Amino acid sequence: MAILHRATLAPTKTELIAAWLPHAPWFDGEVGSVEPVGAYRFDDPAGEVGIESHLVVVAGRTLHVPLTYRAAPLADAEEWLVGRTEHSVLGTRWVYDAVGDPVYVAELLRVIRDADGQVELLVETPDGPERREPTMDVRGTGGAVPADARVVVVREPGQAAGDLDGPALTGTWAGQPAPAMLAHLA
């Protein structure tokens, strides 16, 4: 389960994504505005790295942007750095394109293999934790994951889950009631 702090971020996650997209090697469009559609979280078993994937609409395109949040820079990962943000509770956070973060890759492989899903979200309040309804539903398909498996994140989801021929992560969200592929193995 993910415990979410009632906090402010400067810059916000949406602002970080908007500033980074023009430099992302996989993005080939104009940014303009970035509109959040949904998000889902996984847990780092060690409890050190925040793992959150965002769906945003940019110029009519739905984009899948997995991010990780760390309390210190990730060694030898400058090419994956999205930026830094100031979290009003946790302090400075280094934000990475999650495909370059080994914690994300390991957890995504586990979720796919175990046919697991996103974690439950709890928001800290003065009266104790309150459950937050998810904005997406994601699920691994299950199945054997070869030791040399390479994760492929679908940056522009839309392929129906029925088109899968191997282990993958699928998801649904408002406006996308049929499971769409979010990641698969190569």
Protein backbone atom coordinates (compact mmCIF):
# COMPACT_ATOMS: atom_id res chain seq x y z
CA MET A 1 0.00 0.00 0.00
CA ALA A 2 1.17 3.54 -0.70
CA ILE A 3 0.89 6.17 2.01
CA LEU A 4 0.39 9.57 0.39
CA HIS A 5 1.26 12.75 2.24
CA ARG A 6 -0.91 15.83 2.05
CA ALA A 7 1.85 17.89 0.51
CA THR A 8 2.71 20.45 -2.11
CA LEU A 9 5.27 19.88 -4.84
CA ALA A 10 7.24 22.60 -6.59
CA PRO A 11 7.33 22.06 -9.49
CA THR A 12 4.29 19.77 -9.67
CA LYS A 13 4.43 16.37 -11.35
CA THR A 14 2.50 17.75 -14.33
CA GLU A 15 4.91 20.69 -14.63
CA LEU A 16 7.90 18.31 -14.48
CA ILE A 17 6.42 16.13 -17.22
CA ALA A 18 5.64 19.16 -19.42
CA ALA A 19 9.20 20.51 -19.08
CA TRP A 20 10.80 17.11 -19.73
CA LEU A 21 8.73 15.82 -22.67
CA PRO A 22 10.43 17.97 -25.35
CA HIS A 23 13.74 16.34 -24.31
CA ALA A 24 12.45 12.78 -23.95
CA PRO A 25 14.00 10.65 -26.71
CA TRP A 26 10.71 8.83 -27.38
CA PHE A 27 8.49 11.94 -27.70
CA ASP A 28 8.09 13.50 -31.14
CA GLY A 29 5.48 16.22 -30.78
CA GLU A 30 4.65 19.65 -29.47
CA VAL A 31 3.89 19.80 -25.77
CA GLY A 32 1.48 22.67 -25.22
CA SER A 33 -0.65 21.72 -22.23
CA VAL A 34 -0.37 18.48 -20.27
CA GLU A 35 -3.66 17.18 -18.88
CA PRO A 36 -3.59 14.36 -16.28
CA VAL A 37 -5.89 11.41 -17.06
CA GLY A 38 -4.96 8.92 -14.36
CA ALA A 39 -2.13 7.38 -12.38
CA TYR A 40 -1.21 4.17 -10.63
CA ARG A 41 1.45 3.19 -8.11
CA PHE A 42 3.60 0.20 -7.30
CA ASP A 43 5.49 -0.39 -4.03
CA ASP A 44 9.25 -0.54 -3.69
CA PRO A 45 9.79 -3.60 -1.44
CA ALA A 46 12.54 -1.67 0.38
CA GLY A 47 10.27 1.36 0.89
CA GLU A 48 12.84 3.82 -0.45
CA VAL A 49 11.69 4.65 -4.00
CA GLY A 50 8.32 6.08 -4.98
CA ILE A 51 6.95 4.40 -8.13
CA GLU A 52 4.10 6.17 -9.91
CA SER A 53 2.99 6.01 -13.53
CA HIS A 54 0.99 8.80 -15.12
CA LEU A 55 -1.34 8.94 -18.09
CA VAL A 56 -1.51 12.41 -19.57
CA VAL A 57 -3.04 13.90 -22.70
CA VAL A 58 -0.75 16.09 -24.80
CA ALA A 59 -2.02 17.52 -28.09
CA GLY A 60 -4.77 14.89 -28.24
CA ARG A 61 -2.37 12.00 -27.59
CA THR A 62 -2.59 9.84 -24.44
CA LEU A 63 0.92 9.26 -23.10
CA HIS A 64 2.14 6.78 -20.46
CA VAL A 65 4.85 8.30 -18.25
CA PRO A 66 6.21 6.06 -15.45
CA LEU A 67 8.26 7.98 -12.88
CA THR A 68 10.30 7.13 -9.82
CA TYR A 69 10.97 9.47 -6.90
CA ARG A 70 14.18 9.24 -4.89
CA ALA A 71 15.63 11.06 -1.85
CA ALA A 72 19.07 11.13 -3.50
CA PRO A 73 20.36 10.95 -7.07
CA LEU A 74 20.47 7.51 -8.73
CA ALA A 75 24.08 6.70 -9.64
CA ASP A 76 24.91 6.76 -13.36
CA ALA A 77 21.34 7.68 -14.34
CA GLU A 78 21.66 11.29 -15.52
CA GLU A 79 20.13 10.38 -18.90
CA TRP A 80 16.93 9.26 -17.11
CA LEU A 81 16.60 12.32 -14.87
CA VAL A 82 13.31 14.14 -15.43
CA GLY A 83 14.09 16.80 -12.82
CA ARG A 84 13.93 17.64 -9.14
CA THR A 85 10.96 18.69 -7.08
CA GLU A 86 10.58 20.07 -3.58
CA HIS A 87 8.11 17.99 -1.56
CA SER A 88 6.73 19.93 1.43
CA VAL A 89 6.96 16.86 3.69
CA LEU A 90 9.80 14.73 2.28
CA GLY A 91 12.15 17.44 0.95
CA THR A 92 14.02 17.33 -2.35
CA ARG A 93 13.07 14.47 -4.65
CA TRP A 94 14.98 13.39 -7.74
CA VAL A 95 12.47 12.31 -10.37
CA TYR A 96 13.45 9.75 -13.02
CA ASP A 97 11.96 8.27 -16.16
CA ALA A 98 11.22 4.95 -14.49
CA VAL A 99 12.38 2.79 -17.40
CA GLY A 100 15.94 3.70 -16.35
CA ASP A 101 15.39 2.85 -12.68
CA PRO A 102 16.15 -0.76 -11.67
CA VAL A 103 13.64 -0.63 -8.78
CA TYR A 104 10.79 0.14 -11.21
CA VAL A 105 11.89 -2.48 -13.72
CA ALA A 106 12.09 -5.20 -11.03
CA GLU A 107 8.68 -4.31 -9.59
CA LEU A 108 7.06 -4.12 -13.04
CA LEU A 109 8.43 -7.58 -13.88
CA ARG A 110 7.05 -8.91 -10.58
CA VAL A 111 3.60 -7.38 -11.16
CA ILE A 112 3.47 -8.86 -14.67
CA ARG A 113 4.68 -12.31 -13.51
CA ASP A 114 2.38 -12.50 -10.48
CA ALA A 115 -0.71 -11.09 -12.25
CA ASP A 116 -0.71 -8.39 -9.59
CA GLY A 117 -1.98 -4.82 -9.79
CA GLN A 118 -1.43 -1.38 -8.39
CA VAL A 119 -1.21 -0.79 -4.67
CA GLU A 120 -3.97 0.57 -2.47
CA LEU A 121 -3.63 4.33 -1.90
CA LEU A 122 -3.98 5.75 1.59
CA VAL A 123 -3.82 9.50 2.29
CA GLU A 124 -2.54 10.67 5.65
CA THR A 125 -5.09 12.87 7.44
CA PRO A 126 -5.26 14.25 10.99
CA ASP A 127 -7.87 11.54 11.71
CA GLY A 128 -5.72 8.72 10.32
CA PRO A 129 -5.27 7.22 6.86
CA GLU A 130 -8.13 7.49 4.35
CA ARG A 131 -8.44 5.34 1.25
CA ARG A 132 -8.19 7.17 -2.08
CA GLU A 133 -10.06 5.74 -5.03
CA PRO A 134 -7.74 4.82 -7.91
CA THR A 135 -7.97 6.69 -11.21
CA MET A 136 -6.81 3.62 -13.13
CA ASP A 137 -6.94 -0.14 -12.80
CA VAL A 138 -3.84 -2.04 -13.90
CA ARG A 139 -3.09 -5.75 -13.86
CA GLY A 140 -0.26 -8.02 -14.91
CA THR A 141 -1.29 -10.91 -17.14
CA GLY A 142 0.79 -13.47 -15.26
CA GLY A 143 3.12 -15.97 -16.81
CA ALA A 144 6.73 -16.98 -16.89
CA VAL A 145 9.20 -14.11 -17.12
CA PRO A 146 12.50 -15.18 -18.70
CA ALA A 147 15.63 -14.16 -16.79
CA ASP A 148 16.77 -12.07 -19.77
CA ALA A 149 13.38 -10.36 -20.25
CA ARG A 150 13.48 -6.74 -21.34
CA VAL A 151 10.59 -4.49 -20.34
CA VAL A 152 9.01 -2.36 -23.07
CA VAL A 153 6.84 0.49 -21.77
CA VAL A 154 4.11 1.46 -24.21
CA ARG A 155 4.45 5.24 -24.28
CA GLU A 156 1.24 5.81 -26.26
CA PRO A 157 -1.22 3.16 -25.03
CA GLY A 158 -4.08 2.09 -27.20
CA GLN A 159 -3.36 -1.46 -28.32
CA ALA A 160 -6.12 -3.70 -27.00
CA ALA A 161 -5.10 -6.36 -24.51
CA GLY A 162 -6.54 -8.99 -26.87
CA ASP A 163 -3.56 -8.37 -29.14
CA LEU A 164 -1.07 -9.68 -26.57
CA ASP A 165 1.00 -12.76 -27.17
CA GLY A 166 3.02 -12.81 -23.95
CA PRO A 167 3.23 -11.47 -20.39
CA ALA A 168 2.22 -7.82 -20.11
CA LEU A 169 0.71 -5.07 -17.98
CA THR A 170 -2.72 -3.83 -19.02
CA GLY A 171 -4.88 -1.02 -17.75
CA THR A 172 -8.22 0.72 -17.91
CA TRP A 173 -9.11 4.31 -17.10
CA ALA A 174 -11.87 6.84 -17.71
CA GLY A 175 -12.53 6.77 -21.45
CA GLN A 176 -10.66 3.46 -21.89
CA PRO A 177 -12.99 0.72 -20.58
CA ALA A 178 -11.29 -2.14 -22.49
CA PRO A 179 -7.87 -3.14 -21.11
CA ALA A 180 -5.05 -1.51 -23.08
CA MET A 181 -1.42 -2.62 -23.07
CA LEU A 182 0.85 -0.43 -20.90
CA ALA A 183 3.99 -2.60 -20.91
CA HIS A 184 5.15 -5.96 -22.27
CA LEU A 185 8.25 -8.11 -22.39
CA ALA A 186 10.65 -8.38 -25.30
